Amino acid sequence: MDIIELWRIYWPSWTPATIAAGFVFGGLFGFCLLYRTVTGKMRPFQFFCAMMLYTWLYWVFASTVFCRTEYSEYHYSLKLFWSYEFMRAYPHSYMLQEIVLNILMLLPVGVLFPVAFDCRKISVTALFGFLCSTGIELLQLFTKRGLFEWDDMFHNTVGVIIGYLIVTGAMKMSEGGQSIGMKKSASSFRIHGRDDRAA
């Protein structure tokens, strides 16, 4: 299955109304963030990450809920980890692909949220991702535009946690490199200072 077919299956065509709503809400959200940036409460890079976060989440919500065809009845599965049982029973089914895509779907949230809102707590980031996933599942249930299931919420949250670990790991490596550079500079300064005094 190629990427174009995956796009057609999981992300149907957007309507003009959906696109227009995205720009309207994005403009309002961006204006609030811009005010925080101008007043010094948010750095420009944080503003950029927050807008990227909004864009991604709106795209996810619109594609998984509002652009889907409405079913005639409600669809839900309240059994936790049913997807793994299904995958064991039918190893060549689409289920593994479904699980991976659900993990990847909210992984960018775990990357962008800690940076945009300067959040270093994994629990807060995971909770935010879980609430986003819960919102998607509830909207799918109430609008009859998808299957409400605990597995999707679990996999989405796992994706958020992975994204958080990636970005915080990269930040720690960057901070560690800067710390080593500063120590080397300080050591070099002390050595030269002693040499100068000795001379």
C-alpha atoms as a PDB file:
ATOM      1  CA  MET A   1       0.000   0.000   0.000  1.00  0.00           C
ATOM      2  CA  ASP A   2       1.602   3.265  -1.079  1.00  0.00           C
ATOM      3  CA  ILE A   3       1.441   6.656   0.636  1.00  0.00           C
ATOM      4  CA  ILE A   4      -1.208   8.022  -1.733  1.00  0.00           C
ATOM      5  CA  GLU A   5      -3.573   5.145  -0.961  1.00  0.00           C
ATOM      6  CA  LEU A   6      -2.973   5.617   2.779  1.00  0.00           C
ATOM      7  CA  TRP A   7      -3.834   9.303   2.407  1.00  0.00           C
ATOM      8  CA  ARG A   8      -7.093   8.516   0.635  1.00  0.00           C
ATOM      9  CA  ILE A   9      -8.128   5.961   3.259  1.00  0.00           C
ATOM     10  CA  TYR A  10      -7.261   7.823   6.449  1.00  0.00           C
ATOM     11  CA  TRP A  11      -7.537  11.456   5.434  1.00  0.00           C
ATOM     12  CA  PRO A  12     -10.472  12.156   3.104  1.00  0.00           C
ATOM     13  CA  SER A  13     -10.948  15.369   1.141  1.00  0.00           C
ATOM     14  CA  TRP A  14     -11.489  18.572   3.060  1.00  0.00           C
ATOM     15  CA  THR A  15     -14.457  20.824   2.390  1.00  0.00           C
ATOM     16  CA  PRO A  16     -14.144  24.599   1.821  1.00  0.00           C
ATOM     17  CA  ALA A  17     -15.992  25.177   5.106  1.00  0.00           C
ATOM     18  CA  THR A  18     -13.463  23.059   7.018  1.00  0.00           C
ATOM     19  CA  ILE A  19     -10.553  24.956   5.470  1.00  0.00           C
ATOM     20  CA  ALA A  20     -12.183  28.328   6.192  1.00  0.00           C
ATOM     21  CA  ALA A  21     -12.870  27.367   9.813  1.00  0.00           C
ATOM     22  CA  GLY A  22      -9.235  26.362  10.202  1.00  0.00           C
ATOM     23  CA  PHE A  23      -8.052  29.786   9.061  1.00  0.00           C
ATOM     24  CA  VAL A  24     -10.548  31.632  11.287  1.00  0.00           C
ATOM     25  CA  PHE A  25      -9.702  29.721  14.474  1.00  0.00           C
ATOM     26  CA  GLY A  26      -6.021  29.776  13.563  1.00  0.00           C
ATOM     27  CA  GLY A  27      -6.143  33.553  13.165  1.00  0.00           C
ATOM     28  CA  LEU A  28      -7.756  34.035  16.568  1.00  0.00           C
ATOM     29  CA  PHE A  29      -5.348  31.650  18.246  1.00  0.00           C
ATOM     30  CA  GLY A  30      -2.395  33.234  16.485  1.00  0.00           C
ATOM     31  CA  PHE A  31      -3.466  36.740  17.539  1.00  0.00           C
ATOM     32  CA  CYS A  32      -3.540  35.685  21.211  1.00  0.00           C
ATOM     33  CA  LEU A  33      -0.120  34.081  20.928  1.00  0.00           C
ATOM     34  CA  LEU A  34       1.271  37.073  19.060  1.00  0.00           C
ATOM     35  CA  TYR A  35       0.165  39.331  21.918  1.00  0.00           C
ATOM     36  CA  ARG A  36       2.004  37.084  24.388  1.00  0.00           C
ATOM     37  CA  THR A  37       5.079  37.202  22.165  1.00  0.00           C
ATOM     38  CA  VAL A  38       5.040  40.995  21.832  1.00  0.00           C
ATOM     39  CA  THR A  39       4.636  41.413  25.602  1.00  0.00           C
ATOM     40  CA  GLY A  40       7.603  39.108  26.236  1.00  0.00           C
ATOM     41  CA  LYS A  41       5.645  36.214  27.739  1.00  0.00           C
ATOM     42  CA  MET A  42       6.524  33.924  24.830  1.00  0.00           C
ATOM     43  CA  ARG A  43       9.624  33.675  22.674  1.00  0.00           C
ATOM     44  CA  PRO A  44       9.298  33.846  18.869  1.00  0.00           C
ATOM     45  CA  PHE A  45      10.367  30.213  18.493  1.00  0.00           C
ATOM     46  CA  GLN A  46       7.706  29.190  21.011  1.00  0.00           C
ATOM     47  CA  PHE A  47       5.142  31.160  19.005  1.00  0.00           C
ATOM     48  CA  PHE A  48       6.177  29.267  15.872  1.00  0.00           C
ATOM     49  CA  CYS A  49       5.927  25.889  17.648  1.00  0.00           C
ATOM     50  CA  ALA A  50       2.520  26.764  19.124  1.00  0.00           C
ATOM     51  CA  MET A  51       1.171  27.661  15.687  1.00  0.00           C
ATOM     52  CA  MET A  52       2.604  24.431  14.288  1.00  0.00           C
ATOM     53  CA  LEU A  53       0.893  22.557  17.130  1.00  0.00           C
ATOM     54  CA  TYR A  54      -2.445  24.216  16.333  1.00  0.00           C
ATOM     55  CA  THR A  55      -2.058  23.463  12.618  1.00  0.00           C
ATOM     56  CA  TRP A  56      -1.284  19.817  13.268  1.00  0.00           C
ATOM     57  CA  LEU A  57      -4.114  19.308  15.755  1.00  0.00           C
ATOM     58  CA  TYR A  58      -6.642  21.039  13.530  1.00  0.00           C
ATOM     59  CA  TRP A  59      -5.548  18.873  10.621  1.00  0.00           C
ATOM     60  CA  VAL A  60      -5.903  15.741  12.780  1.00  0.00           C
ATOM     61  CA  PHE A  61      -9.345  16.684  14.138  1.00  0.00           C
ATOM     62  CA  ALA A  62     -10.668  17.740  10.744  1.00  0.00           C
ATOM     63  CA  SER A  63      -9.321  14.678   8.945  1.00  0.00           C
ATOM     64  CA  THR A  64     -10.387  12.110  11.541  1.00  0.00           C
ATOM     65  CA  VAL A  65     -13.795  13.588  12.374  1.00  0.00           C
ATOM     66  CA  PHE A  66     -15.273  16.414  10.333  1.00  0.00           C
ATOM     67  CA  CYS A  67     -14.245  15.232   6.859  1.00  0.00           C
ATOM     68  CA  ARG A  68     -15.434  11.671   7.333  1.00  0.00           C
ATOM     69  CA  THR A  69     -18.706  10.220   6.123  1.00  0.00           C
ATOM     70  CA  GLU A  70     -21.377   9.885   8.795  1.00  0.00           C
ATOM     71  CA  TYR A  71     -22.495   6.347   9.680  1.00  0.00           C
ATOM     72  CA  SER A  72     -26.125   5.387  10.214  1.00  0.00           C
ATOM     73  CA  GLU A  73     -25.458   4.264  13.799  1.00  0.00           C
ATOM     74  CA  TYR A  74     -22.945   4.646  16.617  1.00  0.00           C
ATOM     75  CA  HIS A  75     -19.744   2.597  16.462  1.00  0.00           C
ATOM     76  CA  TYR A  76     -17.707   1.799  19.575  1.00  0.00           C
ATOM     77  CA  SER A  77     -15.511  -0.886  21.138  1.00  0.00           C
ATOM     78  CA  LEU A  78     -15.056  -0.781  24.916  1.00  0.00           C
ATOM     79  CA  LYS A  79     -12.648  -3.716  25.121  1.00  0.00           C
ATOM     80  CA  LEU A  80      -9.088  -2.592  25.865  1.00  0.00           C
ATOM     81  CA  PHE A  81      -6.350  -3.971  23.580  1.00  0.00           C
ATOM     82  CA  TRP A  82      -8.811  -5.689  21.274  1.00  0.00           C
ATOM     83  CA  SER A  83      -6.619  -4.624  18.352  1.00  0.00           C
ATOM     84  CA  TYR A  84      -3.771  -6.856  19.562  1.00  0.00           C
ATOM     85  CA  GLU A  85      -6.099  -9.849  19.833  1.00  0.00           C
ATOM     86  CA  PHE A  86      -7.321  -9.105  16.317  1.00  0.00           C
ATOM     87  CA  MET A  87      -3.736  -8.838  15.071  1.00  0.00           C
ATOM     88  CA  ARG A  88      -2.831 -12.208  16.624  1.00  0.00           C
ATOM     89  CA  ALA A  89      -5.862 -13.852  15.058  1.00  0.00           C
ATOM     90  CA  TYR A  90      -5.242 -12.226  11.660  1.00  0.00           C
ATOM     91  CA  PRO A  91      -1.466 -11.567  11.426  1.00  0.00           C
ATOM     92  CA  HIS A  92      -1.655 -10.377   7.820  1.00  0.00           C
ATOM     93  CA  SER A  93      -4.408  -7.837   8.449  1.00  0.00           C
ATOM     94  CA  TYR A  94      -4.167  -4.036   8.387  1.00  0.00           C
ATOM     95  CA  MET A  95      -4.165  -3.794  12.199  1.00  0.00           C
ATOM     96  CA  LEU A  96      -0.418  -3.379  12.733  1.00  0.00           C
ATOM     97  CA  GLN A  97      -0.458  -0.532  10.227  1.00  0.00           C
ATOM     98  CA  GLU A  98      -3.402   0.995  12.090  1.00  0.00           C
ATOM     99  CA  ILE A  99      -1.557   0.822  15.412  1.00  0.00           C
ATOM    100  CA  VAL A 100       1.610   2.405  13.994  1.00  0.00           C
ATOM    101  CA  LEU A 101      -0.351   5.211  12.331  1.00  0.00           C
ATOM    102  CA  ASN A 102      -2.202   5.958  15.576  1.00  0.00           C
ATOM    103  CA  ILE A 103       1.116   6.223  17.413  1.00  0.00           C
ATOM    104  CA  LEU A 104       2.573   8.506  14.750  1.00  0.00           C
ATOM    105  CA  MET A 105      -0.562  10.648  14.528  1.00  0.00           C
ATOM    106  CA  LEU A 106       0.002  12.494  17.822  1.00  0.00           C
ATOM    107  CA  LEU A 107       3.776  12.071  18.052  1.00  0.00           C
ATOM    108  CA  PRO A 108       4.267  15.675  16.799  1.00  0.00           C
ATOM    109  CA  VAL A 109       2.158  16.858  19.747  1.00  0.00           C
ATOM    110  CA  GLY A 110       4.727  15.395  22.126  1.00  0.00           C
ATOM    111  CA  VAL A 111       7.454  17.259  20.257  1.00  0.00           C
ATOM    112  CA  LEU A 112       5.754  20.644  19.894  1.00  0.00           C
ATOM    113  CA  PHE A 113       3.796  21.025  23.152  1.00  0.00           C
ATOM    114  CA  PRO A 114       6.787  20.991  25.572  1.00  0.00           C
ATOM    115  CA  VAL A 115       8.651  23.527  23.445  1.00  0.00           C
ATOM    116  CA  ALA A 116       5.697  25.823  22.744  1.00  0.00           C
ATOM    117  CA  PHE A 117       4.620  26.049  26.390  1.00  0.00           C
ATOM    118  CA  ASP A 118       7.974  25.399  28.082  1.00  0.00           C
ATOM    119  CA  CYS A 119       6.661  22.235  29.743  1.00  0.00           C
ATOM    120  CA  ARG A 120       9.293  19.884  31.173  1.00  0.00           C
ATOM    121  CA  LYS A 121       6.834  17.491  32.867  1.00  0.00           C
ATOM    122  CA  ILE A 122       6.070  14.308  30.946  1.00  0.00           C
ATOM    123  CA  SER A 123       2.841  13.846  32.928  1.00  0.00           C
ATOM    124  CA  VAL A 124       1.441  17.193  31.748  1.00  0.00           C
ATOM    125  CA  THR A 125       2.390  16.530  28.125  1.00  0.00           C
ATOM    126  CA  ALA A 126       0.942  13.005  28.242  1.00  0.00           C
ATOM    127  CA  LEU A 127      -2.271  14.318  29.811  1.00  0.00           C
ATOM    128  CA  PHE A 128      -2.607  16.965  27.100  1.00  0.00           C
ATOM    129  CA  GLY A 129      -2.142  14.330  24.413  1.00  0.00           C
ATOM    130  CA  PHE A 130      -4.609  11.975  26.101  1.00  0.00           C
ATOM    131  CA  LEU A 131      -7.243  14.743  26.296  1.00  0.00           C
ATOM    132  CA  CYS A 132      -6.726  15.525  22.597  1.00  0.00           C
ATOM    133  CA  SER A 133      -7.178  11.847  21.739  1.00  0.00           C
ATOM    134  CA  THR A 134     -10.221  11.584  23.995  1.00  0.00           C
ATOM    135  CA  GLY A 135     -11.733  14.597  22.232  1.00  0.00           C
ATOM    136  CA  ILE A 136     -11.233  12.916  18.861  1.00  0.00           C
ATOM    137  CA  GLU A 137     -12.790   9.650  20.000  1.00  0.00           C
ATOM    138  CA  LEU A 138     -15.808  11.337  21.632  1.00  0.00           C
ATOM    139  CA  LEU A 139     -16.441  13.469  18.569  1.00  0.00           C
ATOM    140  CA  GLN A 140     -16.220  10.382  16.371  1.00  0.00           C
ATOM    141  CA  LEU A 141     -18.772   8.666  18.613  1.00  0.00           C
ATOM    142  CA  PHE A 142     -21.277  11.505  18.935  1.00  0.00           C
ATOM    143  CA  THR A 143     -21.097  12.549  15.279  1.00  0.00           C
ATOM    144  CA  LYS A 144     -21.157   8.900  14.089  1.00  0.00           C
ATOM    145  CA  ARG A 145     -18.008   9.530  12.052  1.00  0.00           C
ATOM    146  CA  GLY A 146     -15.723   6.853  13.444  1.00  0.00           C
ATOM    147  CA  LEU A 147     -15.124   4.074  15.942  1.00  0.00           C
ATOM    148  CA  PHE A 148     -14.792   5.046  19.602  1.00  0.00           C
ATOM    149  CA  GLU A 149     -12.151   2.805  21.203  1.00  0.00           C
ATOM    150  CA  TRP A 150      -9.724   2.824  24.115  1.00  0.00           C
ATOM    151  CA  ASP A 151      -6.948   1.385  21.964  1.00  0.00           C
ATOM    152  CA  ASP A 152      -6.696   4.520  19.839  1.00  0.00           C
ATOM    153  CA  MET A 153      -6.409   6.685  22.959  1.00  0.00           C
ATOM    154  CA  PHE A 154      -3.684   4.419  24.305  1.00  0.00           C
ATOM    155  CA  HIS A 155      -1.699   4.425  21.061  1.00  0.00           C
ATOM    156  CA  ASN A 156      -2.119   8.187  20.579  1.00  0.00           C
ATOM    157  CA  THR A 157      -0.827   8.804  24.104  1.00  0.00           C
ATOM    158  CA  VAL A 158       2.126   6.480  23.524  1.00  0.00           C
ATOM    159  CA  GLY A 159       2.945   8.551  20.445  1.00  0.00           C
ATOM    160  CA  VAL A 160       2.846  11.757  22.509  1.00  0.00           C
ATOM    161  CA  ILE A 161       5.190  10.247  25.108  1.00  0.00           C
ATOM    162  CA  ILE A 162       7.627   9.124  22.396  1.00  0.00           C
ATOM    163  CA  GLY A 163       7.594  12.618  20.910  1.00  0.00           C
ATOM    164  CA  TYR A 164       8.237  14.121  24.349  1.00  0.00           C
ATOM    165  CA  LEU A 165      11.186  11.786  24.952  1.00  0.00           C
ATOM    166  CA  ILE A 166      12.652  12.664  21.560  1.00  0.00           C
ATOM    167  CA  VAL A 167      12.504  16.441  22.047  1.00  0.00           C
ATOM    168  CA  THR A 168      13.596  16.435  25.700  1.00  0.00           C
ATOM    169  CA  GLY A 169      16.435  14.052  24.869  1.00  0.00           C
ATOM    170  CA  ALA A 170      17.567  16.372  22.087  1.00  0.00           C
ATOM    171  CA  MET A 171      17.329  19.365  24.442  1.00  0.00           C
ATOM    172  CA  LYS A 172      19.408  17.631  27.121  1.00  0.00           C
ATOM    173  CA  MET A 173      22.050  16.692  24.556  1.00  0.00           C
ATOM    174  CA  SER A 174      22.132  20.290  23.334  1.00  0.00           C
ATOM    175  CA  GLU A 175      22.378  21.674  26.874  1.00  0.00           C
ATOM    176  CA  GLY A 176      25.078  19.115  27.692  1.00  0.00           C
ATOM    177  CA  GLY A 177      27.097  20.161  24.654  1.00  0.00           C
ATOM    178  CA  GLN A 178      26.821  23.827  25.599  1.00  0.00           C
ATOM    179  CA  SER A 179      27.835  23.015  29.193  1.00  0.00           C
ATOM    180  CA  ILE A 180      30.934  21.138  27.996  1.00  0.00           C
ATOM    181  CA  GLY A 181      31.808  24.050  25.695  1.00  0.00           C
ATOM    182  CA  MET A 182      31.481  26.523  28.566  1.00  0.00           C
ATOM    183  CA  LYS A 183      33.645  24.360  30.843  1.00  0.00           C
ATOM    184  CA  LYS A 184      36.332  24.099  28.166  1.00  0.00           C
ATOM    185  CA  SER A 185      36.272  27.871  27.666  1.00  0.00           C
ATOM    186  CA  ALA A 186      36.520  28.494  31.418  1.00  0.00           C
ATOM    187  CA  SER A 187      39.371  25.984  31.717  1.00  0.00           C
ATOM    188  CA  SER A 188      41.195  27.585  28.819  1.00  0.00           C
ATOM    189  CA  PHE A 189      40.746  31.011  30.429  1.00  0.00           C
ATOM    190  CA  ARG A 190      42.201  29.782  33.738  1.00  0.00           C
ATOM    191  CA  ILE A 191      45.193  28.167  32.011  1.00  0.00           C
ATOM    192  CA  HIS A 192      45.968  31.275  30.004  1.00  0.00           C
ATOM    193  CA  GLY A 193      45.499  33.393  33.118  1.00  0.00           C
ATOM    194  CA  ARG A 194      48.072  31.349  35.024  1.00  0.00           C
ATOM    195  CA  ASP A 195      50.471  31.466  32.086  1.00  0.00           C
ATOM    196  CA  ASP A 196      50.135  35.224  31.920  1.00  0.00           C
ATOM    197  CA  ARG A 197      50.814  35.611  35.646  1.00  0.00           C
ATOM    198  CA  ALA A 198      53.771  33.253  35.473  1.00  0.00           C
ATOM    199  CA  ALA A 199      55.241  35.221  32.564  1.00  0.00           C
END
